[in-house]
């Protein structure tokens, strides 16, 4: 059976990939195989990968909302758009849990021109600049032109001193972060030039999806028990992660929802955080 990917590419449907993605969300191999068995009658030649995902997601949601939230993590990251402002803040949180000092939206004067930087980090003796590239489409990739441009900005600042974290220091490291993927050429250029790259699946086993699951920094946008309007309301209050939601109860109560719904949201959130 053939399926149509989001890129439009037609490929052979691979049962093992679907099972692996369900297991990665926390489902047991038995549950993953059961879901595959239940959705198979609804599959047909030419079905889109989005439709396959939606069918599996609905079955998984009935079994475990927390696992369904992890299964929808990629969609949750993309829901931090469309402008990417929330994505930048989310990436800041991801660095904070790794014990970086973080500052956002800083203006600095370089040797040639002034620059607005998305994020500045400090850990031990190293100060880093981080530029975020947000894509609205999951099929879009960050190509080699972006790291080349970011490197030119870094080179305009990296030998100058700035008072950012209480004393004069130089920016010695440069990161480029994207919510989608890098092209092969972008990775080759980043590795050759010394740029640190971070995407959904790069570096291998240390990409955004891996860091989110390891540090449990889940965006509220992946929760299955919140509506889109409720997620937007929370984001406006700077409640970006499930951890924020569970530790800032005042914002939680501003949702004005029933006790039963609040209980379900807390249950899903606790399951995510206590996996």
Protein backbone atom coordinates (compact mmCIF):
# COMPACT_ATOMS: atom_id res chain seq x y z
CA UNK A 1 0.00 0.00 0.00
CA UNK A 2 1.24 3.48 -0.93
CA UNK A 3 0.87 6.59 1.22
CA UNK A 4 1.30 10.26 0.31
CA UNK A 5 3.71 12.18 2.55
CA UNK A 6 3.26 15.87 3.39
CA UNK A 7 5.89 16.70 0.78
CA UNK A 8 3.74 15.04 -1.88
CA UNK A 9 6.13 12.11 -2.19
CA UNK A 10 4.49 8.70 -2.65
CA UNK A 11 6.11 5.94 -0.58
CA UNK A 12 5.33 2.42 0.57
CA UNK A 13 3.50 2.31 3.89
CA UNK A 14 5.80 0.93 6.59
CA UNK A 15 4.04 -0.72 9.54
CA UNK A 16 7.23 -0.76 11.59
CA UNK A 17 7.61 3.05 11.44
CA UNK A 18 4.10 3.59 12.75
CA UNK A 19 4.65 1.08 15.55
CA UNK A 20 8.00 2.68 16.43
CA UNK A 21 6.47 6.17 16.62
CA UNK A 22 3.72 4.89 18.93
CA UNK A 23 6.24 3.09 21.15
CA UNK A 24 8.36 6.26 21.28
CA UNK A 25 5.33 8.09 22.68
CA UNK A 26 5.30 5.68 25.63
CA UNK A 27 2.85 3.07 24.35
CA UNK A 28 3.75 -0.58 24.83
CA UNK A 29 4.53 -2.69 21.79
CA UNK A 30 1.26 -4.58 22.44
CA UNK A 31 -0.76 -1.34 22.41
CA UNK A 32 1.05 -0.10 19.29
CA UNK A 33 0.26 -3.33 17.40
CA UNK A 34 -3.36 -3.19 18.62
CA UNK A 35 -3.74 0.36 17.25
CA UNK A 36 -2.24 -0.66 13.92
CA UNK A 37 -4.64 -3.61 13.73
CA UNK A 38 -7.64 -1.37 14.52
CA UNK A 39 -6.86 1.31 11.94
CA UNK A 40 -5.83 -1.04 9.12
CA UNK A 41 -9.42 -1.43 7.77
CA UNK A 42 -9.48 2.38 7.30
CA UNK A 43 -6.24 2.52 5.34
CA UNK A 44 -6.29 2.63 1.55
CA UNK A 45 -3.86 3.09 -1.31
CA UNK A 46 -2.88 6.76 -1.63
CA UNK A 47 -3.94 7.74 1.91
CA UNK A 48 -2.04 10.74 3.27
CA UNK A 49 0.44 10.41 6.12
CA UNK A 50 -1.60 13.09 7.95
CA UNK A 51 -4.66 10.85 7.83
CA UNK A 52 -2.70 7.83 9.11
CA UNK A 53 -1.34 9.98 11.95
CA UNK A 54 -4.83 11.26 12.82
CA UNK A 55 -6.30 7.74 12.93
CA UNK A 56 -3.50 6.46 15.17
CA UNK A 57 -3.65 9.57 17.36
CA UNK A 58 -7.37 9.17 18.05
CA UNK A 59 -6.92 5.51 19.04
CA UNK A 60 -3.95 6.32 21.27
CA UNK A 61 -5.83 9.21 22.89
CA UNK A 62 -8.54 6.79 24.05
CA UNK A 63 -5.90 4.63 25.74
CA UNK A 64 -3.54 7.28 27.16
CA UNK A 65 -3.88 11.04 26.73
CA UNK A 66 -0.32 11.56 27.97
CA UNK A 67 1.06 9.19 25.33
CA UNK A 68 -1.10 10.92 22.72
CA UNK A 69 0.38 14.26 23.82
CA UNK A 70 3.90 12.89 23.33
CA UNK A 71 2.83 11.41 19.97
CA UNK A 72 1.67 14.90 18.91
CA UNK A 73 4.81 16.66 20.19
CA UNK A 74 5.98 17.70 16.73
CA UNK A 75 2.59 19.26 15.98
CA UNK A 76 2.74 20.93 19.39
CA UNK A 77 6.08 22.54 18.52
CA UNK A 78 4.70 23.80 15.21
CA UNK A 79 1.68 25.20 17.06
CA UNK A 80 4.06 27.68 18.74
CA UNK A 81 3.77 29.75 15.55
CA UNK A 82 2.92 31.17 13.15
CA UNK A 83 5.38 34.02 13.82
CA UNK A 84 7.81 31.99 15.93
CA UNK A 85 7.74 34.33 18.93
CA UNK A 86 6.54 31.58 21.27
CA UNK A 87 9.03 29.16 19.74
CA UNK A 88 11.90 31.47 20.74
CA UNK A 89 10.58 31.63 24.29
CA UNK A 90 10.16 27.86 24.35
CA UNK A 91 13.76 27.33 23.22
CA UNK A 92 14.85 29.70 26.00
CA UNK A 93 13.10 27.43 28.51
CA UNK A 94 14.81 24.42 26.97
CA UNK A 95 18.21 26.01 27.58
CA UNK A 96 17.25 27.15 31.08
CA UNK A 97 16.58 23.59 32.23
CA UNK A 98 20.08 22.73 31.01
CA UNK A 99 21.40 25.29 33.52
CA UNK A 100 22.17 28.10 31.09
CA UNK A 101 21.67 31.72 32.06
CA UNK A 102 19.33 33.18 29.47
CA UNK A 103 18.47 36.64 28.10
CA UNK A 104 16.14 37.27 25.18
CA UNK A 105 15.65 39.93 22.49
CA UNK A 106 18.91 41.81 23.03
CA UNK A 107 20.25 44.58 20.77
CA UNK A 108 24.03 44.70 20.34
CA UNK A 109 26.27 46.82 18.14
CA UNK A 110 28.70 44.87 16.01
CA UNK A 111 31.81 46.09 14.22
CA UNK A 112 29.74 47.06 11.18
CA UNK A 113 26.03 47.13 12.08
CA UNK A 114 23.66 46.63 15.01
CA UNK A 115 21.98 43.28 15.63
CA UNK A 116 18.81 42.11 17.36
CA UNK A 117 19.53 38.69 18.86
CA UNK A 118 16.82 36.16 19.72
CA UNK A 119 18.60 34.59 22.71
CA UNK A 120 21.87 35.03 24.59
CA UNK A 121 23.20 32.25 26.82
CA UNK A 122 25.90 31.83 29.38
CA UNK A 123 27.20 28.61 30.86
CA UNK A 124 30.48 28.49 32.75
CA UNK A 125 32.78 30.88 30.82
CA UNK A 126 31.04 30.74 27.43
CA UNK A 127 28.57 33.31 26.15
CA UNK A 128 26.51 32.17 23.14
CA UNK A 129 24.15 33.80 20.71
CA UNK A 130 21.14 31.79 19.53
CA UNK A 131 19.14 32.54 16.42
CA UNK A 132 15.82 30.74 15.88
CA UNK A 133 14.37 29.89 12.48
CA UNK A 134 10.67 28.97 12.65
CA UNK A 135 8.86 27.23 9.80
CA UNK A 136 5.08 26.98 9.62
CA UNK A 137 5.23 23.92 7.37
CA UNK A 138 6.59 20.59 8.61
CA UNK A 139 7.97 19.90 5.15
CA UNK A 140 10.04 23.10 5.02
CA UNK A 141 13.75 22.73 5.73
CA UNK A 142 16.38 25.25 6.78
CA UNK A 143 18.82 25.41 3.88
CA UNK A 144 22.49 26.38 3.77
CA UNK A 145 21.79 30.10 3.18
CA UNK A 146 20.49 30.49 6.75
CA UNK A 147 23.61 29.26 8.64
CA UNK A 148 25.77 31.27 6.22
CA UNK A 149 23.82 34.40 7.10
CA UNK A 150 23.90 33.67 10.85
CA UNK A 151 27.65 33.09 10.70
CA UNK A 152 28.17 36.50 9.09
CA UNK A 153 26.27 38.14 11.97
CA UNK A 154 28.29 36.18 14.52
CA UNK A 155 31.53 37.25 12.84
CA UNK A 156 30.46 40.88 13.15
CA UNK A 157 30.27 40.53 16.94
CA UNK A 158 32.48 37.68 18.14
CA UNK A 159 35.65 39.70 18.82
CA UNK A 160 33.92 42.52 20.65
CA UNK A 161 33.16 42.68 24.38
CA UNK A 162 29.69 43.25 25.82
CA UNK A 163 28.31 43.62 29.32
CA UNK A 164 25.50 41.07 29.15
CA UNK A 165 25.78 38.87 32.23
CA UNK A 166 27.17 41.42 34.75
CA UNK A 167 30.68 41.71 33.32
CA UNK A 168 32.39 42.37 30.00
CA UNK A 169 32.59 39.20 27.92
CA UNK A 170 32.90 38.11 24.32
CA UNK A 171 30.32 36.04 22.45
CA UNK A 172 32.28 32.90 21.63
CA UNK A 173 29.61 30.42 20.48
CA UNK A 174 26.82 30.65 17.91
CA UNK A 175 23.70 28.47 17.72
CA UNK A 176 21.11 28.11 14.97
CA UNK A 177 17.87 26.46 16.08
CA UNK A 178 14.95 25.44 13.87
CA UNK A 179 11.67 23.69 14.61
CA UNK A 180 11.87 21.60 11.43
CA UNK A 181 14.97 20.06 9.83
CA UNK A 182 18.21 21.15 8.20
CA UNK A 183 19.21 20.26 4.68
CA UNK A 184 22.30 18.10 4.25
CA UNK A 185 24.26 21.11 2.97
CA UNK A 186 23.21 23.22 5.97
CA UNK A 187 24.49 20.52 8.34
CA UNK A 188 27.72 20.18 6.37
CA UNK A 189 28.30 23.94 6.49
CA UNK A 190 27.42 24.17 10.20
CA UNK A 191 29.79 21.37 11.16
CA UNK A 192 32.59 22.79 9.00
CA UNK A 193 32.23 26.38 10.27
CA UNK A 194 31.79 25.52 13.95
CA UNK A 195 28.16 26.61 14.25
CA UNK A 196 26.07 24.67 16.75
CA UNK A 197 22.91 23.38 15.07
CA UNK A 198 19.74 22.22 16.78
CA UNK A 199 16.63 20.98 14.98
CA UNK A 200 13.76 18.59 15.54
CA UNK A 201 16.03 15.57 14.99
CA UNK A 202 19.58 16.99 14.91
CA UNK A 203 22.04 16.27 16.48
CA UNK A 204 21.23 12.56 16.46
CA UNK A 205 19.59 11.59 19.78
CA UNK A 206 20.08 15.17 21.03
CA UNK A 207 17.59 17.08 18.89
CA UNK A 208 14.64 19.10 20.17
CA UNK A 209 12.40 16.02 20.45
CA UNK A 210 15.04 14.22 22.52
CA UNK A 211 15.72 17.21 24.81
CA UNK A 212 11.99 17.81 25.37
CA UNK A 213 11.41 14.20 26.40
CA UNK A 214 14.57 14.02 28.50
CA UNK A 215 13.97 17.24 30.44
CA UNK A 216 10.14 16.97 30.24
CA UNK A 217 9.79 20.48 28.84
CA UNK A 218 6.54 19.76 27.02
CA UNK A 219 4.79 22.70 25.34
CA UNK A 220 1.20 23.20 26.45
CA UNK A 221 0.28 23.03 22.76
CA UNK A 222 0.72 19.24 22.78
CA UNK A 223 -1.88 18.69 25.53
CA UNK A 224 -4.97 16.87 24.27
CA UNK A 225 -7.26 18.12 27.06
CA UNK A 226 -6.93 21.83 26.20
CA UNK A 227 -8.74 23.59 23.36
CA UNK A 228 -6.85 25.75 20.86
CA UNK A 229 -8.38 28.89 22.40
CA UNK A 230 -7.28 27.83 25.89
CA UNK A 231 -3.75 27.15 24.69
CA UNK A 232 -3.57 30.60 23.11
CA UNK A 233 -4.87 32.20 26.31
CA UNK A 234 -2.16 30.47 28.33
CA UNK A 235 0.59 31.38 25.86
CA UNK A 236 -0.42 35.04 26.16
CA UNK A 237 0.13 34.68 29.92
CA UNK A 238 3.63 33.30 29.32
CA UNK A 239 2.52 29.77 30.28
CA UNK A 240 4.49 27.92 27.62
CA UNK A 241 5.11 24.52 29.16
CA UNK A 242 3.15 21.86 31.01
CA UNK A 243 5.45 22.47 33.99
CA UNK A 244 4.45 26.16 33.96
CA UNK A 245 0.79 25.20 33.88
CA UNK A 246 1.12 22.96 36.92
CA UNK A 247 3.18 25.44 38.95
CA UNK A 248 1.33 28.70 38.24
CA UNK A 249 -2.13 27.88 39.49
CA UNK A 250 -3.45 31.46 39.18
CA UNK A 251 -3.07 31.32 35.41
CA UNK A 252 -4.60 27.86 35.38
CA UNK A 253 -7.74 29.09 37.10
CA UNK A 254 -8.13 31.99 34.68
CA UNK A 255 -9.26 29.43 32.13
CA UNK A 256 -12.62 29.38 33.95
CA UNK A 257 -13.30 25.71 33.36
CA UNK A 258 -15.20 23.11 35.35
CA UNK A 259 -13.59 21.11 38.12
CA UNK A 260 -13.97 17.94 36.07
CA UNK A 261 -12.10 19.42 33.10
CA UNK A 262 -9.44 20.84 35.37
CA UNK A 263 -8.99 17.40 36.88
CA UNK A 264 -8.55 15.82 33.42
CA UNK A 265 -6.02 18.46 32.37
CA UNK A 266 -4.03 17.98 35.58
CA UNK A 267 -4.12 14.21 35.18
CA UNK A 268 -2.70 14.37 31.65
CA UNK A 269 -0.10 16.96 32.75
CA UNK A 270 1.03 14.89 35.72
CA UNK A 271 1.36 11.80 33.58
CA UNK A 272 3.59 13.71 31.16
CA UNK A 273 5.79 15.15 33.89
CA UNK A 274 6.02 11.98 35.96
CA UNK A 275 6.67 9.49 33.15
